[in-house]
Protein backbone atom coordinates (compact mmCIF):
# COMPACT_ATOMS: atom_id res chain seq x y z
CA MET A 1 10.87 -19.66 -21.59
CA ILE A 2 8.19 -17.29 -20.29
CA THR A 3 4.60 -18.42 -21.04
CA LEU A 4 1.88 -15.76 -20.97
CA SER A 5 -1.47 -16.65 -19.36
CA HIS A 6 -5.04 -15.45 -20.11
CA ALA A 7 -6.68 -16.65 -16.83
CA GLN A 8 -9.05 -14.50 -14.74
CA SER A 9 -7.13 -11.45 -13.65
CA TYR A 10 -7.28 -8.48 -11.31
CA GLN A 11 -6.12 -4.92 -11.70
CA VAL A 12 -4.95 -2.96 -8.63
CA MET A 13 -4.02 0.75 -8.63
CA TYR A 14 -1.73 2.17 -5.91
CA GLU A 15 -0.99 5.73 -4.86
CA LYS A 16 1.91 7.09 -2.80
CA TYR A 17 1.63 9.22 0.34
CA TYR A 18 4.22 11.10 2.35
CA HIS A 19 3.22 12.24 5.84
CA ASP A 20 -0.37 11.45 4.88
CA GLN A 21 -0.20 13.78 1.86
CA LEU A 22 -0.90 12.36 -1.61
CA MET A 23 2.31 12.66 -3.74
CA THR A 24 0.75 14.18 -6.86
CA ASP A 25 4.08 14.39 -8.61
CA GLU A 26 4.58 10.60 -8.40
CA LEU A 27 3.08 8.23 -10.94
CA PRO A 28 0.55 5.73 -9.55
CA ILE A 29 1.60 2.05 -9.62
CA GLU A 30 -0.40 -0.37 -11.74
CA LEU A 31 -0.56 -4.11 -10.88
CA PHE A 32 -2.17 -6.86 -12.91
CA ALA A 33 -2.26 -10.38 -11.51
CA ASN A 34 -3.75 -13.79 -12.09
CA ALA A 35 -2.86 -17.21 -10.81
CA SER A 36 0.10 -17.45 -13.20
CA GLN A 37 1.67 -13.99 -13.30
CA THR A 38 1.89 -10.63 -11.60
CA TRP A 39 2.91 -7.50 -13.55
CA VAL A 40 3.88 -4.22 -11.87
CA PHE A 41 4.75 -0.94 -13.62
CA PRO A 42 4.26 2.77 -13.04
CA LYS A 43 1.01 3.93 -14.66
CA ALA A 44 2.10 6.15 -17.55
CA HIS A 45 0.79 7.12 -20.93
CA GLN A 46 3.19 6.72 -23.90
CA ASP A 47 3.89 10.49 -24.04
CA SER A 48 4.52 10.76 -20.28
CA ILE A 49 6.95 7.87 -19.73
CA VAL A 50 10.11 8.88 -17.89
CA PHE A 51 13.07 6.71 -18.92
CA PRO A 52 14.41 4.39 -17.71
CA TYR A 53 10.96 2.90 -17.34
CA THR A 54 11.23 0.08 -14.81
CA GLY A 55 8.88 -2.63 -13.52
CA PHE A 56 8.80 -6.38 -13.01
CA MET A 57 6.85 -9.58 -13.70
CA VAL A 58 6.57 -12.52 -11.34
CA ASP A 59 6.11 -15.97 -12.78
CA GLN A 60 4.01 -17.46 -9.96
CA HIS A 61 4.47 -21.07 -11.12
CA GLN A 62 8.26 -20.96 -11.26
CA LYS A 63 8.52 -18.31 -8.49
CA VAL A 64 10.85 -16.22 -10.66
CA LEU A 65 10.89 -12.39 -10.55
CA ASN A 66 11.77 -10.78 -13.88
CA HIS A 67 13.10 -7.24 -13.61
CA ILE A 68 12.22 -5.30 -16.76
CA THR A 69 13.52 -1.88 -17.89
CA ILE A 70 12.82 0.03 -21.08
CA LEU A 71 15.63 2.44 -21.88
CA ARG A 72 15.44 5.80 -23.59
CA ASP A 73 16.15 4.23 -26.98
CA TYR A 74 13.37 1.65 -26.28
CA ALA A 75 15.84 -1.16 -25.84
CA LYS A 76 14.77 -3.61 -23.15
CA ILE A 77 17.00 -5.08 -20.47
CA GLY A 78 16.19 -7.38 -17.62
CA ALA A 79 17.42 -9.71 -14.90
CA GLN A 80 15.90 -12.67 -13.12
CA ASP A 81 16.01 -13.95 -9.57
CA THR A 82 13.90 -16.45 -7.63
CA LEU A 83 11.63 -15.33 -4.86
CA SER A 84 13.23 -17.82 -2.53
CA ALA A 85 16.62 -16.17 -3.10
CA GLN A 86 15.39 -12.80 -1.90
CA LYS A 87 16.72 -12.08 1.59
CA TYR A 88 13.55 -10.85 3.24
CA THR A 89 12.10 -12.41 6.38
CA TYR A 90 8.66 -11.51 7.57
CA GLU A 91 7.34 -11.40 11.10
CA LYS A 92 3.58 -12.04 10.84
CA SER A 93 1.20 -10.64 13.44
CA ASP A 94 -2.46 -11.07 14.40
CA GLU A 95 -3.29 -7.46 13.57
CA THR A 96 -5.86 -6.95 10.82
CA LYS A 97 -7.58 -4.07 9.05
CA VAL A 98 -9.86 -3.63 6.07
CA ILE A 99 -8.59 -1.95 2.88
CA LEU A 100 -11.03 -1.41 -0.03
CA GLY A 101 -13.35 -3.98 1.54
CA TYR A 102 -10.68 -6.69 1.85
CA LEU A 103 -9.56 -8.05 5.22
CA CYS A 104 -5.81 -7.65 5.45
CA LYS A 105 -3.18 -9.12 7.72
CA LYS A 106 0.04 -7.49 8.82
CA ALA A 107 3.65 -8.61 8.29
CA HIS A 108 6.77 -6.73 9.39
CA THR A 109 10.29 -6.72 7.96
CA VAL A 110 13.42 -4.54 8.09
CA VAL A 111 15.25 -3.44 4.94
CA ASN A 112 18.50 -1.47 5.39
CA SER A 113 17.34 -0.27 8.84
CA ASN A 114 13.95 0.80 7.40
CA GLN A 115 10.98 -0.52 9.36
CA ILE A 116 8.43 -1.92 6.86
CA ASP A 117 4.83 -2.89 7.64
CA ILE A 118 3.07 -4.87 4.90
CA TRP A 119 -0.73 -5.32 4.79
CA TYR A 120 -1.87 -8.17 2.57
CA THR A 121 -5.03 -10.10 1.86
CA THR A 122 -5.50 -13.83 1.18
CA THR A 123 -9.21 -13.53 0.53
CA ILE A 124 -8.76 -13.62 -3.32
CA PRO A 125 -7.85 -17.26 -4.02
CA GLY A 126 -4.72 -17.74 -6.16
CA ILE A 127 -3.92 -14.02 -6.49
CA MET A 128 -0.55 -12.87 -5.16
CA GLY A 129 1.45 -9.73 -5.79
CA SER A 130 2.78 -6.49 -4.40
CA PRO A 131 3.54 -2.98 -5.77
CA THR A 132 7.21 -3.60 -4.83
CA VAL A 133 9.41 -6.68 -4.64
CA LEU A 134 8.47 -6.97 -0.94
CA GLY A 135 5.72 -9.35 0.09
CA GLN A 136 5.35 -11.22 -3.19
CA ASN A 137 4.82 -14.56 -1.39
CA LEU A 138 2.39 -13.30 1.26
CA GLY A 139 -0.76 -12.74 -0.78
CA LEU A 140 -2.10 -9.63 -2.48
CA VAL A 141 -0.41 -6.68 -0.79
CA LEU A 142 -2.68 -3.61 -0.48
CA GLU A 143 -0.45 -1.35 1.62
CA ILE A 144 3.21 -0.89 2.42
CA ASN A 145 4.20 1.51 5.19
CA ARG A 146 7.88 2.50 5.52
CA ASN A 147 8.96 4.11 8.78
CA GLY A 148 5.46 5.44 9.40
CA ASN A 149 5.86 8.29 6.94
CA PHE A 150 5.92 6.86 3.41
CA ILE A 151 2.95 4.74 2.28
CA ILE A 152 2.02 2.91 -0.92
CA ARG A 153 -1.71 2.14 -0.65
CA ALA A 154 -4.17 0.50 -3.03
CA SER A 155 -6.76 2.98 -4.28
CA HIS A 156 -8.77 0.72 -6.64
CA ILE A 157 -9.30 -3.00 -7.31
CA GLU A 158 -11.28 -4.54 -10.11
CA LYS A 159 -11.70 -7.86 -11.84
CA VAL A 160 -10.59 -7.84 -15.51
CA LYS A 161 -10.82 -10.42 -18.26
CA GLU A 162 -7.06 -10.70 -18.82
CA ILE A 163 -3.79 -8.94 -18.38
CA PRO A 164 -3.61 -6.40 -21.27
CA SER A 165 -1.16 -6.94 -24.08
CA GLN A 166 0.50 -3.53 -23.65
CA MET A 167 1.65 -4.85 -20.30
CA THR A 168 2.71 -8.37 -21.34
CA ASP A 169 4.46 -7.10 -24.50
CA ARG A 170 7.09 -5.53 -22.32
CA ILE A 171 8.75 -8.91 -21.88
CA GLN A 172 9.14 -9.39 -25.63
CA ASP A 173 12.62 -8.95 -27.23
CA ILE A 174 14.21 -8.33 -23.88
CA ALA A 175 17.93 -8.92 -23.24
CA PHE A 176 18.51 -10.59 -19.88
CA TYR A 177 21.71 -10.04 -17.90
CA ASN A 178 23.03 -11.14 -14.56
CA GLU A 179 21.81 -8.96 -11.72
CA ILE A 180 25.01 -6.93 -11.28
CA THR A 181 25.32 -6.14 -14.98
CA TYR A 182 21.61 -5.25 -15.14
CA LYS A 183 21.91 -2.84 -12.23
CA ASP A 184 24.98 -1.28 -13.77
CA LEU A 185 23.25 -0.78 -17.16
CA LEU A 186 20.16 0.61 -15.45
CA TRP A 187 22.25 3.04 -13.34
CA LYS A 188 24.26 4.29 -16.35
CA SER A 189 21.12 4.80 -18.39
CA ARG A 190 20.00 7.48 -15.92
CA PHE A 191 22.63 10.00 -17.14
CA GLN A 192 24.67 10.87 -20.19
CA THR A 193 28.36 10.05 -20.36
CA ILE A 194 31.02 11.55 -22.63
CA ARG A 195 34.32 9.71 -22.51
CA ILE A 196 37.12 12.12 -23.10
CA PHE A 197 40.21 9.89 -22.73
CA GLU A 198 40.16 6.10 -22.54
CA ASP A 199 43.16 3.94 -21.75
CA GLN A 200 45.57 6.77 -22.46
CA THR A 201 49.19 6.85 -21.31
CA ILE A 202 50.51 10.19 -20.11
CA HIS A 203 54.27 9.81 -20.22
CA PHE A 204 57.51 11.42 -21.33
CA SER A 205 58.53 9.82 -24.63
CA ASP A 206 58.94 10.48 -28.30
CA GLN A 207 58.37 6.84 -29.01
CA SER A 208 54.74 6.54 -27.99
CA VAL A 209 52.07 5.72 -30.53
CA ASN A 210 48.64 7.40 -30.43
CA HIS A 211 46.07 4.92 -31.64
CA ASN A 212 43.22 7.47 -31.40
CA PRO A 213 43.29 10.06 -34.25
CA GLU A 214 40.89 12.31 -32.26
CA VAL A 215 43.47 12.85 -29.52
CA MET A 216 46.38 15.30 -29.91
CA ARG A 217 49.63 14.67 -28.07
CA PHE A 218 52.03 17.44 -27.03
CA ALA A 219 55.06 18.19 -24.82
CA GLN A 220 56.73 14.81 -25.23
CA GLY A 221 53.47 12.99 -24.43
CA THR A 222 52.77 14.73 -21.10
CA VAL A 223 49.84 16.75 -22.49
CA TRP A 224 46.84 15.32 -24.33
CA VAL A 225 44.04 17.36 -25.93
CA LYS A 226 40.76 16.39 -27.54
CA LYS A 227 38.05 18.45 -29.22
CA VAL A 228 34.68 17.36 -27.77
CA LYS A 229 31.12 18.25 -28.70
CA MET A 230 29.14 18.81 -25.51
CA PRO A 231 25.37 18.16 -25.35
CA PRO A 232 22.69 20.82 -24.91
CA LEU A 233 21.95 21.09 -21.21
CA LYS A 234 18.59 21.36 -19.45
CA LYS A 235 18.20 23.73 -16.57
CA GLY A 236 19.33 22.08 -13.34
CA THR A 237 21.71 19.60 -15.01
CA GLN A 238 24.49 18.44 -12.67
CA ILE A 239 27.92 17.94 -14.33
CA PHE A 240 30.69 15.74 -12.96
CA ALA A 241 34.20 15.10 -14.16
CA GLU A 242 35.71 11.75 -13.17
CA LEU A 243 39.34 10.84 -13.71
CA LYS A 244 40.96 7.48 -12.98
CA GLN A 245 44.72 7.20 -12.83
CA TYR A 246 47.40 4.73 -11.85
CA SER A 247 51.17 4.43 -12.35
CA GLN A 248 52.59 2.44 -15.21
CA GLY A 249 56.17 3.19 -14.15
CA ASP A 250 56.45 6.61 -12.47
CA ALA A 251 57.02 6.16 -8.72
CA TYR A 252 56.52 9.80 -7.69
CA ASP A 253 53.72 12.17 -6.81
CA ARG A 254 53.07 14.54 -9.74
CA THR A 255 51.00 17.59 -10.46
CA GLY A 256 48.07 16.97 -12.82
CA SER A 257 45.54 19.27 -14.38
CA VAL A 258 42.38 18.87 -16.44
CA PHE A 259 41.71 22.03 -18.41
CA ILE A 260 39.67 23.69 -21.17
CA ILE A 261 41.44 25.76 -23.79
CA PRO A 262 39.43 28.91 -24.56
CA VAL A 263 39.43 29.81 -28.23
CA ARG A 264 37.43 33.05 -28.11
CA LYS A 265 40.44 35.37 -28.61
CA ASP A 266 42.94 35.83 -31.47
CA THR A 267 45.72 34.01 -29.58
CA THR A 268 45.08 30.74 -27.78
CA PHE A 269 47.03 28.22 -25.75
CA LEU A 270 46.33 25.71 -28.53
CA GLN A 271 48.73 27.70 -30.70
CA ALA A 272 51.42 27.32 -28.03
CA LEU A 273 50.90 23.54 -28.03
CA GLN A 274 51.04 23.35 -31.81
CA LYS A 275 53.69 25.98 -32.64
CA GLY A 276 55.72 26.43 -29.44
CA ILE A 277 55.57 28.26 -26.16
CA GLU A 278 56.91 31.46 -27.66
CA SER A 279 53.63 32.01 -29.56
CA ILE A 280 51.67 33.16 -26.49
CA PRO A 281 51.99 36.36 -24.38
CA VAL A 282 54.84 36.56 -21.86
CA LEU A 283 54.63 37.99 -18.37
CA PRO A 284 58.09 39.40 -17.44
CA GLY A 285 59.42 38.61 -13.99
CA LEU A 286 62.44 39.46 -11.88
CA ASN A 287 65.96 38.58 -13.04
CA GLU A 288 64.85 38.41 -16.68
CA LYS A 289 62.48 35.55 -16.01
CA LYS A 290 59.63 34.97 -18.45
CA TYR A 291 56.27 33.34 -17.69
CA GLN A 292 54.43 32.21 -20.78
CA GLY A 293 50.64 32.37 -21.18
CA VAL A 294 49.74 32.78 -17.49
CA ILE A 295 47.46 35.89 -17.50
CA ALA A 296 44.64 37.20 -19.62
CA THR A 297 45.27 40.00 -22.08
CA PRO A 298 42.93 41.81 -24.53
CA HIS A 299 43.84 39.18 -27.17
CA TYR A 300 44.52 36.03 -25.11
CA GLU A 301 42.81 33.90 -22.44
CA PRO A 302 44.71 31.45 -20.24
CA LEU A 303 43.64 27.85 -19.61
CA ILE A 304 40.50 27.28 -17.61
CA GLU A 305 41.40 24.73 -15.00
CA VAL A 306 38.63 22.16 -14.54
CA MET A 307 40.36 19.92 -12.03
CA ARG A 308 43.70 20.03 -10.19
CA PHE A 309 44.84 16.59 -9.02
CA PHE A 310 47.98 14.93 -7.69
CA THR A 311 49.15 11.46 -8.48
CA SER A 312 50.21 9.25 -5.61
CA PHE A 313 53.51 7.50 -5.08
CA GLY A 314 53.38 4.67 -7.62
CA ILE A 315 49.88 3.31 -7.11
CA LYS A 316 49.33 -0.14 -8.71
CA GLN A 317 52.73 -0.32 -10.44
CA TYR A 318 54.57 -0.53 -7.09
CA ASN A 319 51.96 -2.50 -5.14
CA TYR A 320 54.52 -5.32 -4.75
CA LEU A 321 56.26 -3.21 -2.07
CA GLU A 322 54.84 -4.96 0.94
CA LEU A 323 54.28 -3.55 4.40
CA LYS A 324 52.50 -5.32 7.23
CA ASP A 325 48.79 -4.46 7.46
CA LYS A 326 48.90 -2.41 4.24
CA LYS A 327 46.74 -3.49 1.34
CA TRP A 328 47.51 -0.98 -1.41
CA LEU A 329 44.69 0.40 -3.56
CA GLU A 330 44.76 -0.14 -7.30
CA VAL A 331 43.62 3.18 -8.75
CA ASN A 332 43.15 6.81 -7.87
CA THR A 333 39.65 8.08 -8.62
CA TYR A 334 39.14 11.85 -8.70
CA ARG A 335 35.51 12.99 -9.04
CA GLN A 336 34.43 16.62 -8.95
CA ASP A 337 31.23 18.60 -9.51
CA ILE A 338 31.96 21.07 -12.36
CA SER A 339 28.38 22.32 -12.81
CA ASP A 340 29.59 25.90 -12.41
CA LEU A 341 31.14 25.61 -15.88
CA ALA A 342 27.84 24.72 -17.57
CA HIS A 343 27.47 28.05 -19.40
CA LEU A 344 30.90 27.55 -20.92
CA ILE A 345 30.26 24.10 -22.38
CA ASP A 346 26.48 24.01 -23.02
CA ASN A 347 26.03 22.68 -26.59
CA GLN A 348 29.60 23.77 -27.42
CA GLU A 349 32.62 22.25 -29.05
CA VAL A 350 35.45 22.56 -26.54
CA TYR A 351 39.12 21.58 -26.37
CA ILE A 352 39.70 19.53 -23.23
CA GLY A 353 43.16 18.60 -22.12
CA ILE A 354 45.00 16.74 -19.44
CA PHE A 355 48.53 17.16 -18.09
CA ILE A 356 50.65 15.10 -15.73
CA GLY A 357 54.19 16.42 -15.21
CA ASN A 358 56.62 13.53 -15.35
CA TYR A 359 59.83 12.37 -16.94
CA ASP A 360 59.06 8.70 -16.96
CA ALA A 361 58.86 6.75 -20.25
CA ARG A 362 56.05 4.49 -18.91
CA GLY A 363 54.27 7.25 -16.96
CA HIS A 364 50.60 7.02 -15.97
CA HIS A 365 47.45 5.40 -17.24
CA VAL A 366 44.37 7.68 -17.32
CA ASP A 367 40.65 7.55 -18.12
CA LEU A 368 38.58 10.73 -18.11
CA GLU A 369 34.83 11.10 -18.53
CA ILE A 370 32.22 13.78 -17.97
CA THR A 371 28.70 12.85 -16.93
CA PHE A 372 25.52 14.91 -17.19
CA HIS A 373 22.70 14.30 -14.71
CA GLU A 374 19.32 15.92 -15.25
CA ASP A 375 17.96 17.31 -12.00
CA GLU A 376 15.31 19.64 -10.64
CA VAL A 377 17.74 21.38 -8.38
CA ASN A 378 17.35 25.16 -8.74
CA GLN A 379 21.01 25.92 -9.28
CA MET A 380 22.14 29.52 -9.56
CA LEU A 381 24.85 28.86 -12.14
CA PRO A 382 26.96 31.76 -13.39
CA THR A 383 26.21 33.11 -16.85
CA PHE A 384 29.54 34.93 -17.08
CA ILE A 385 32.82 32.97 -17.11
CA GLN A 386 36.17 34.62 -17.80
CA PRO A 387 39.59 33.08 -17.12
CA LEU A 388 42.05 35.55 -15.58
CA PHE A 389 45.19 33.60 -14.73
CA ASN A 390 46.65 30.10 -14.64
CA THR A 391 50.28 29.56 -13.62
CA VAL A 392 50.31 25.74 -13.92
CA ASN A 393 53.13 25.08 -16.42
CA VAL A 394 51.36 22.34 -18.35
CA MET A 395 54.00 22.66 -21.09
CA GLU A 396 56.78 22.05 -18.55
CA MET A 397 58.27 19.39 -20.79
CA ALA A 398 58.18 21.82 -23.73
CA GLY A 399 59.89 24.77 -22.02
CA GLN A 400 57.18 26.54 -20.03
CA ASP A 401 58.71 27.97 -16.84
CA TYR A 402 57.71 27.20 -13.26
CA ALA A 403 55.53 29.81 -11.53
CA THR A 404 58.15 31.53 -9.37
CA MET A 405 56.73 35.02 -10.08
CA PHE A 406 55.72 35.42 -6.44
CA ASP A 407 59.33 36.32 -5.65
CA ASN A 408 58.14 39.76 -6.74
CA PRO A 409 56.61 41.70 -3.79
CA ASN A 410 53.88 42.90 -6.15
CA GLY A 411 52.91 39.27 -6.84
CA LEU A 412 50.77 38.40 -9.88
CA ASN A 413 48.71 41.22 -11.42
CA VAL A 414 45.91 40.98 -13.96
CA THR A 415 43.97 43.83 -15.59
CA PHE A 416 40.55 42.97 -17.08
CA THR A 417 37.71 44.87 -18.63
CA LEU A 418 33.98 44.19 -18.08
CA GLU A 419 31.64 45.13 -20.95
CA ASN A 420 28.67 45.06 -18.53
CA ASP A 421 28.03 45.26 -14.82
CA LEU A 422 28.68 41.93 -13.05
CA LYS A 423 26.38 40.85 -10.18
CA ASP A 424 27.55 38.66 -7.29
CA ALA A 425 31.03 38.22 -8.79
CA ARG A 426 33.25 35.50 -7.45
CA LEU A 427 36.69 34.10 -8.15
CA ARG A 428 37.05 30.36 -8.68
CA TYR A 429 40.54 30.05 -7.19
CA ILE A 430 42.76 26.98 -7.05
CA THR A 431 46.11 27.25 -5.30
CA THR A 432 48.89 24.79 -4.34
CA GLY A 433 52.44 25.46 -3.10
CA HIS A 434 55.41 23.44 -4.27
CA GLY A 435 59.16 23.05 -4.17
CA GLY A 436 62.03 22.61 -1.78
CA TRP A 437 62.15 20.26 1.12
CA GLU A 438 62.46 21.39 4.73
CA ASN A 439 62.13 25.09 3.91
CA GLY A 440 60.19 24.76 0.67
CA ASP A 441 56.69 26.19 0.18
CA GLU A 442 55.31 22.71 -0.30
CA PHE A 443 55.71 22.09 3.42
CA LEU A 444 55.32 25.63 4.88
CA GLN A 445 52.15 27.57 5.45
CA LYS A 446 52.06 30.65 3.26
CA ARG A 447 49.31 33.24 3.17
CA ASN A 448 47.51 33.87 -0.09
CA LYS A 449 46.19 37.44 -0.36
CA ILE A 450 43.73 38.49 -3.09
CA TYR A 451 43.19 42.15 -3.93
CA VAL A 452 40.59 43.63 -6.32
CA ASP A 453 41.05 47.21 -7.41
CA GLY A 454 43.63 47.64 -4.66
CA ASN A 455 41.38 46.37 -1.87
CA LEU A 456 42.19 43.23 0.13
CA ILE A 457 39.28 40.82 -0.48
CA PHE A 458 40.58 37.50 0.82
CA ASP A 459 43.48 36.38 3.01
CA PHE A 460 43.99 32.73 3.94
CA LEU A 461 46.40 29.85 4.51
CA PRO A 462 45.88 27.05 1.97
CA TRP A 463 46.88 23.89 3.89
CA ARG A 464 46.04 20.16 3.98
CA GLN A 465 46.45 18.21 7.23
CA ASP A 466 44.73 15.02 6.14
CA CYS A 467 47.44 13.56 3.86
CA GLY A 468 47.99 10.60 6.13
CA SER A 469 44.45 9.44 5.26
CA TYR A 470 45.70 8.47 1.80
CA ARG A 471 48.59 6.21 2.79
CA LEU A 472 47.08 3.19 1.00
CA TYR A 473 47.28 5.09 -2.31
CA ASN A 474 51.06 5.46 -1.97
CA PRO A 475 52.98 2.16 -2.03
CA ALA A 476 56.25 3.83 -3.18
CA SER A 477 56.17 6.66 -0.63
CA GLY A 478 59.42 6.86 1.32
CA ASN A 479 59.39 5.87 5.02
CA PHE A 480 61.47 7.81 7.50
CA GLU A 481 63.15 7.13 10.81
CA ASN A 482 60.53 9.12 12.70
CA GLY A 483 57.81 6.64 11.67
CA LEU A 484 56.19 8.86 9.04
CA SER A 485 55.92 8.33 5.31
CA SER A 486 56.46 11.14 2.81
CA SER A 487 52.78 10.93 1.83
CA ASP A 488 51.76 11.57 5.47
CA TYR A 489 53.16 15.07 5.63
CA SER A 490 50.86 18.08 5.55
CA ARG A 491 51.24 20.23 2.44
CA SER A 492 50.25 23.53 0.88
CA ASN A 493 46.69 22.60 -0.10
CA TRP A 494 47.38 19.18 -1.63
CA CYS A 495 48.21 15.61 -0.74
CA PRO A 496 49.66 12.78 -2.92
CA GLY A 497 46.65 11.10 -4.48
CA THR A 498 44.02 13.81 -4.00
CA LEU A 499 42.09 16.61 -5.65
CA THR A 500 42.49 20.24 -4.71
CA VAL A 501 39.03 21.76 -4.89
CA PRO A 502 38.51 25.46 -5.81
CA GLU A 503 37.98 28.21 -3.26
CA TYR A 504 35.09 30.48 -4.20
CA ILE A 505 35.97 34.01 -3.22
CA PHE A 506 33.06 36.45 -3.20
CA LEU A 507 33.93 39.75 -4.87
CA GLY A 508 30.53 41.48 -4.72
CA ASP A 509 29.08 43.50 -7.57
CA LEU A 510 31.59 44.80 -10.17
CA THR A 511 30.77 47.71 -12.45
CA LYS A 512 31.54 47.69 -16.15
CA GLY A 513 34.93 49.02 -17.06
CA ILE A 514 38.58 48.29 -16.15
CA HIS A 515 39.47 46.38 -12.98
CA THR A 516 42.66 44.94 -11.47
CA LEU A 517 43.22 41.74 -9.56
CA GLN A 518 46.38 40.98 -7.57
CA ILE A 519 47.62 37.79 -5.92
CA LYS A 520 50.35 38.06 -3.28
CA ILE A 521 52.16 35.06 -1.76
CA GLN A 522 55.32 35.22 0.31
CA GLN A 523 57.29 32.80 -1.81
CA GLY A 524 60.32 31.13 -0.17
CA GLU A 525 63.92 31.88 -1.10
CA ASN A 526 65.96 29.59 -3.35
CA GLU A 527 68.15 27.06 -1.58
CA GLY A 528 70.88 25.97 -3.95
CA ASN A 529 69.18 24.21 -6.86
CA SER A 530 65.94 23.97 -4.89
CA PHE A 531 63.22 26.63 -5.44
CA SER A 532 59.63 27.20 -4.45
CA PHE A 533 56.74 28.06 -6.75
CA TRP A 534 52.95 28.41 -6.66
CA ASN A 535 50.43 26.96 -9.08
CA VAL A 536 47.38 29.24 -8.99
CA SER A 537 44.49 29.53 -11.37
CA GLY A 538 41.54 31.93 -11.28
CA VAL A 539 38.29 32.23 -13.21
CA LEU A 540 35.99 35.20 -12.78
CA MET A 541 32.32 34.21 -12.54
CA GLY A 542 29.05 36.04 -12.05
CA TRP A 543 25.81 37.24 -13.60
CA GLU A 544 25.55 40.05 -16.16
């Protein structure tokens, strides 16, 4: 029970300085204190509060510090700890100085390697407090100096009749939590979260039951799609996609993709999912091969790949496979900045899907969310976004062919038309090589060449040499006589248990009209039933 006191009180105002310059963009700190309580909050008017609005109150009799936060919806959350439980030790010195007419003493402490000097006065009997949680037991703190460059200093002190009710009312109707839960709620309140998939099972089965009517299931349960309303975005908003995955039965590393289905054209990939793979445009290949829905046409746009990821060898499900000095991890977490897609999703309804290629009835557990973080970063985000190609066969389990089109010396060709000039154009390019074993493109370095309008723009070797860093994600990875595990081997731009991040290929300024883009990769030859293929996706970005 918290009892509010009306004893003689003091008000102290603090300002912040960085390298001796007043930080005018920072709110002053307001402290009210009497012999019973100390209240500390940023000084803000009702119309200028930035949420979450956080402060604290110290019960000086019980020596309890009450953390208090008002959330955006005006809900109040808090946590309590005792001052004696705080792990701060102070080295007091004989140094003194006068601040606002009060003789102050110096105490020193270290917090996370930061050197902190605290100046406090004991000349006001019974009054204790500090603008931060530091120094609450020392006296009335009038200055805190961190590393000699950041200072919180008292700018005004006056005696007041009592602590005002607009301060003390902040403790009313508050929900208290343990410290960890409180910090988690406070952290999550600082950004917006949209949960796309929760506790979903991506597996190969006709027997699965979808308990969420908002989620659509395709390709024997290996593809899931949901229509999501995205929020309006303020300038500078940072956007992150976070996927968590673990095995529920599948022991192997699998290709995964998070994607957006464009619906701006007459024909969409959603139709292929709903009606069959034959309903989308076909790219003819050598030897009568057909590649469905992989390139843009005047009436069709391919999938926009948000995130390319690879499952590990049986994480969690196979953690019982013991090896000395190996403590297997429980979940793969893939987190990627996707702010460059802001123009595509800002205040829009979008179809978001996820695919994991597998033939396992138990498959993989997944959770996917997108978070939006308001920021003042001056991002130069593209205002033009156009998907050009995507060869990931996300409908593999419904008949979509593997991307073996690079057996053609001419590679993959796309023709596109710009209605307006495009400034600082770039290609958001994701590429990974697959297939075979010793001589397969998964394990051999192969050049990727990108041509625009017949000119070679980019030529590189997509290759990952850090796969051994992720051994603890791969309990079911095979171990060989040479002392290596399968998950250790370097691969064509991917590792079991990792993301493959996009390459951003600068194309320069493109004029309005018709253009061509060509991808050439020296794809390996078939070896019996083994074949190589390349999953590549490309989105044209820029400013009109």
